């Protein structure tokens, strides 16, 4: 363990606050969100209480799709079934830890005509 380089500071044990916070929030899952039309991708950490609308908002921000003229008409799909858009809390879907079988979601802009 390296000591701090500044005078008056002492080495301390690593904080476990992050671990306690994660437990309090429930299981944390990493999902990959992709916009297939342009290939933009982002990873988001979510839990079962995270809503689809929250994921859409966060992913749009990360992918720079925040323009006002693009508001509304965004849909999120599990890549295993793109016939039904997701809605509500993510706990109702097959959340799984990120890995080869992790959850990938497609974020699609589908304006109504």
C-alpha atoms as a PDB file:
ATOM      1  CA  UNK A   1       0.000   0.000   0.000  1.00  0.00           C
ATOM      2  CA  UNK A   2       1.376   3.392  -0.937  1.00  0.00           C
ATOM      3  CA  UNK A   3       1.146   6.279   1.486  1.00  0.00           C
ATOM      4  CA  UNK A   4      -0.231   9.657   0.434  1.00  0.00           C
ATOM      5  CA  UNK A   5       2.375  12.133  -0.807  1.00  0.00           C
ATOM      6  CA  UNK A   6       0.918  15.145   0.979  1.00  0.00           C
ATOM      7  CA  UNK A   7       1.933  16.197   4.492  1.00  0.00           C
ATOM      8  CA  UNK A   8      -0.609  15.601   7.228  1.00  0.00           C
ATOM      9  CA  UNK A   9      -2.443  12.804   5.418  1.00  0.00           C
ATOM     10  CA  UNK A  10      -2.363   9.234   6.582  1.00  0.00           C
ATOM     11  CA  UNK A  11      -3.111   6.015   4.805  1.00  0.00           C
ATOM     12  CA  UNK A  12      -6.532   4.657   5.639  1.00  0.00           C
ATOM     13  CA  UNK A  13      -8.454   1.537   4.860  1.00  0.00           C
ATOM     14  CA  UNK A  14     -10.397   1.584   1.581  1.00  0.00           C
ATOM     15  CA  UNK A  15     -13.934   2.832   1.901  1.00  0.00           C
ATOM     16  CA  UNK A  16     -16.703   0.253   1.855  1.00  0.00           C
ATOM     17  CA  UNK A  17     -19.369   2.878   1.267  1.00  0.00           C
ATOM     18  CA  UNK A  18     -19.733   1.849  -2.372  1.00  0.00           C
ATOM     19  CA  UNK A  19     -20.408  -1.757  -1.432  1.00  0.00           C
ATOM     20  CA  UNK A  20     -23.030  -0.722   1.147  1.00  0.00           C
ATOM     21  CA  UNK A  21     -24.664   1.644  -1.330  1.00  0.00           C
ATOM     22  CA  UNK A  22     -24.891  -1.076  -3.977  1.00  0.00           C
ATOM     23  CA  UNK A  23     -26.467  -3.506  -1.512  1.00  0.00           C
ATOM     24  CA  UNK A  24     -28.978  -0.886  -0.409  1.00  0.00           C
ATOM     25  CA  UNK A  25     -29.963  -0.244  -4.030  1.00  0.00           C
ATOM     26  CA  UNK A  26     -30.373  -3.951  -4.768  1.00  0.00           C
ATOM     27  CA  UNK A  27     -28.568  -5.981  -7.385  1.00  0.00           C
ATOM     28  CA  UNK A  28     -26.809  -3.796  -9.961  1.00  0.00           C
ATOM     29  CA  UNK A  29     -26.824  -4.937 -13.587  1.00  0.00           C
ATOM     30  CA  UNK A  30     -24.847  -3.574 -16.498  1.00  0.00           C
ATOM     31  CA  UNK A  31     -26.768  -3.381 -19.765  1.00  0.00           C
ATOM     32  CA  UNK A  32     -25.519  -2.452 -23.211  1.00  0.00           C
ATOM     33  CA  UNK A  33     -27.773  -0.038 -25.090  1.00  0.00           C
ATOM     34  CA  UNK A  34     -27.285   0.246 -28.849  1.00  0.00           C
ATOM     35  CA  UNK A  35     -28.885   2.495 -31.445  1.00  0.00           C
ATOM     36  CA  UNK A  36     -28.661   0.148 -34.439  1.00  0.00           C
ATOM     37  CA  UNK A  37     -29.343   2.795 -37.085  1.00  0.00           C
ATOM     38  CA  UNK A  38     -26.083   4.666 -36.343  1.00  0.00           C
ATOM     39  CA  UNK A  39     -24.166   2.071 -34.303  1.00  0.00           C
ATOM     40  CA  UNK A  40     -23.931   4.240 -31.170  1.00  0.00           C
ATOM     41  CA  UNK A  41     -23.532   2.236 -27.964  1.00  0.00           C
ATOM     42  CA  UNK A  42     -23.375   2.886 -24.247  1.00  0.00           C
ATOM     43  CA  UNK A  43     -23.263   0.849 -21.073  1.00  0.00           C
ATOM     44  CA  UNK A  44     -25.586   1.667 -18.211  1.00  0.00           C
ATOM     45  CA  UNK A  45     -25.744   0.370 -14.651  1.00  0.00           C
ATOM     46  CA  UNK A  46     -29.320  -0.287 -13.616  1.00  0.00           C
ATOM     47  CA  UNK A  47     -31.276  -2.177 -10.983  1.00  0.00           C
ATOM     48  CA  UNK A  48     -34.701  -3.797 -11.042  1.00  0.00           C
ATOM     49  CA  UNK A  49     -36.394  -0.543 -10.036  1.00  0.00           C
ATOM     50  CA  UNK A  50     -34.962   1.349 -13.019  1.00  0.00           C
ATOM     51  CA  UNK A  51     -37.688   2.234 -15.516  1.00  0.00           C
ATOM     52  CA  UNK A  52     -37.501   1.989 -19.275  1.00  0.00           C
ATOM     53  CA  UNK A  53     -38.068   5.762 -19.492  1.00  0.00           C
ATOM     54  CA  UNK A  54     -35.002   6.340 -17.272  1.00  0.00           C
ATOM     55  CA  UNK A  55     -32.896   4.110 -19.520  1.00  0.00           C
ATOM     56  CA  UNK A  56     -34.114   5.928 -22.633  1.00  0.00           C
ATOM     57  CA  UNK A  57     -33.288   9.315 -21.075  1.00  0.00           C
ATOM     58  CA  UNK A  58     -29.809   8.243 -19.902  1.00  0.00           C
ATOM     59  CA  UNK A  59     -28.943   6.475 -23.160  1.00  0.00           C
ATOM     60  CA  UNK A  60     -30.072   9.439 -25.280  1.00  0.00           C
ATOM     61  CA  UNK A  61     -27.852  11.720 -23.224  1.00  0.00           C
ATOM     62  CA  UNK A  62     -24.846   9.395 -23.490  1.00  0.00           C
ATOM     63  CA  UNK A  63     -25.340   9.037 -27.267  1.00  0.00           C
ATOM     64  CA  UNK A  64     -25.940  12.789 -27.868  1.00  0.00           C
ATOM     65  CA  UNK A  65     -29.523  12.312 -29.065  1.00  0.00           C
ATOM     66  CA  UNK A  66     -30.905  15.051 -26.794  1.00  0.00           C
ATOM     67  CA  UNK A  67     -32.118  17.430 -29.506  1.00  0.00           C
ATOM     68  CA  UNK A  68     -35.592  18.801 -28.742  1.00  0.00           C
ATOM     69  CA  UNK A  69     -36.935  17.862 -32.169  1.00  0.00           C
ATOM     70  CA  UNK A  70     -36.195  14.215 -31.307  1.00  0.00           C
ATOM     71  CA  UNK A  71     -38.275  14.201 -28.098  1.00  0.00           C
ATOM     72  CA  UNK A  72     -40.855  11.446 -27.885  1.00  0.00           C
ATOM     73  CA  UNK A  73     -41.159   8.401 -30.125  1.00  0.00           C
ATOM     74  CA  UNK A  74     -38.164   6.570 -28.597  1.00  0.00           C
ATOM     75  CA  UNK A  75     -38.616   2.868 -27.882  1.00  0.00           C
ATOM     76  CA  UNK A  76     -36.456   0.307 -26.126  1.00  0.00           C
ATOM     77  CA  UNK A  77     -36.341  -3.356 -27.168  1.00  0.00           C
ATOM     78  CA  UNK A  78     -34.582  -6.461 -25.902  1.00  0.00           C
ATOM     79  CA  UNK A  79     -32.541  -7.664 -28.872  1.00  0.00           C
ATOM     80  CA  UNK A  80     -34.013 -11.142 -28.396  1.00  0.00           C
ATOM     81  CA  UNK A  81     -37.508  -9.814 -29.267  1.00  0.00           C
ATOM     82  CA  UNK A  82     -37.847  -6.581 -31.208  1.00  0.00           C
ATOM     83  CA  UNK A  83     -41.574  -7.037 -31.805  1.00  0.00           C
ATOM     84  CA  UNK A  84     -42.624  -5.578 -28.427  1.00  0.00           C
ATOM     85  CA  UNK A  85     -41.199  -2.391 -26.911  1.00  0.00           C
ATOM     86  CA  UNK A  86     -40.244  -2.618 -23.244  1.00  0.00           C
ATOM     87  CA  UNK A  87     -42.132  -0.522 -20.696  1.00  0.00           C
ATOM     88  CA  UNK A  88     -42.315  -0.084 -16.928  1.00  0.00           C
ATOM     89  CA  UNK A  89     -39.723  -1.357 -14.454  1.00  0.00           C
ATOM     90  CA  UNK A  90     -36.855  -3.526 -15.606  1.00  0.00           C
ATOM     91  CA  UNK A  91     -37.480  -6.074 -12.822  1.00  0.00           C
ATOM     92  CA  UNK A  92     -40.181  -7.661 -14.977  1.00  0.00           C
ATOM     93  CA  UNK A  93     -37.628  -8.585 -17.646  1.00  0.00           C
ATOM     94  CA  UNK A  94     -34.882 -11.190 -17.665  1.00  0.00           C
ATOM     95  CA  UNK A  95     -32.151  -9.082 -16.029  1.00  0.00           C
ATOM     96  CA  UNK A  96     -28.846 -10.905 -15.934  1.00  0.00           C
ATOM     97  CA  UNK A  97     -25.256  -9.957 -15.117  1.00  0.00           C
ATOM     98  CA  UNK A  98     -23.236  -8.574 -18.015  1.00  0.00           C
ATOM     99  CA  UNK A  99     -21.185 -11.191 -19.815  1.00  0.00           C
ATOM    100  CA  UNK A 100     -21.523 -13.265 -22.971  1.00  0.00           C
ATOM    101  CA  UNK A 101     -25.213 -13.739 -22.157  1.00  0.00           C
ATOM    102  CA  UNK A 102     -25.705 -10.216 -20.771  1.00  0.00           C
ATOM    103  CA  UNK A 103     -28.635  -7.984 -21.646  1.00  0.00           C
ATOM    104  CA  UNK A 104     -28.375  -5.842 -24.746  1.00  0.00           C
ATOM    105  CA  UNK A 105     -31.114  -3.379 -25.550  1.00  0.00           C
ATOM    106  CA  UNK A 106     -31.866  -1.547 -28.774  1.00  0.00           C
ATOM    107  CA  UNK A 107     -32.893   2.100 -28.552  1.00  0.00           C
ATOM    108  CA  UNK A 108     -34.875   3.094 -31.631  1.00  0.00           C
ATOM    109  CA  UNK A 109     -36.378   6.360 -32.781  1.00  0.00           C
ATOM    110  CA  UNK A 110     -39.680   5.535 -34.483  1.00  0.00           C
ATOM    111  CA  UNK A 111     -41.677   8.706 -35.161  1.00  0.00           C
ATOM    112  CA  UNK A 112     -45.380   8.304 -35.660  1.00  0.00           C
ATOM    113  CA  UNK A 113     -46.552   9.352 -39.080  1.00  0.00           C
END
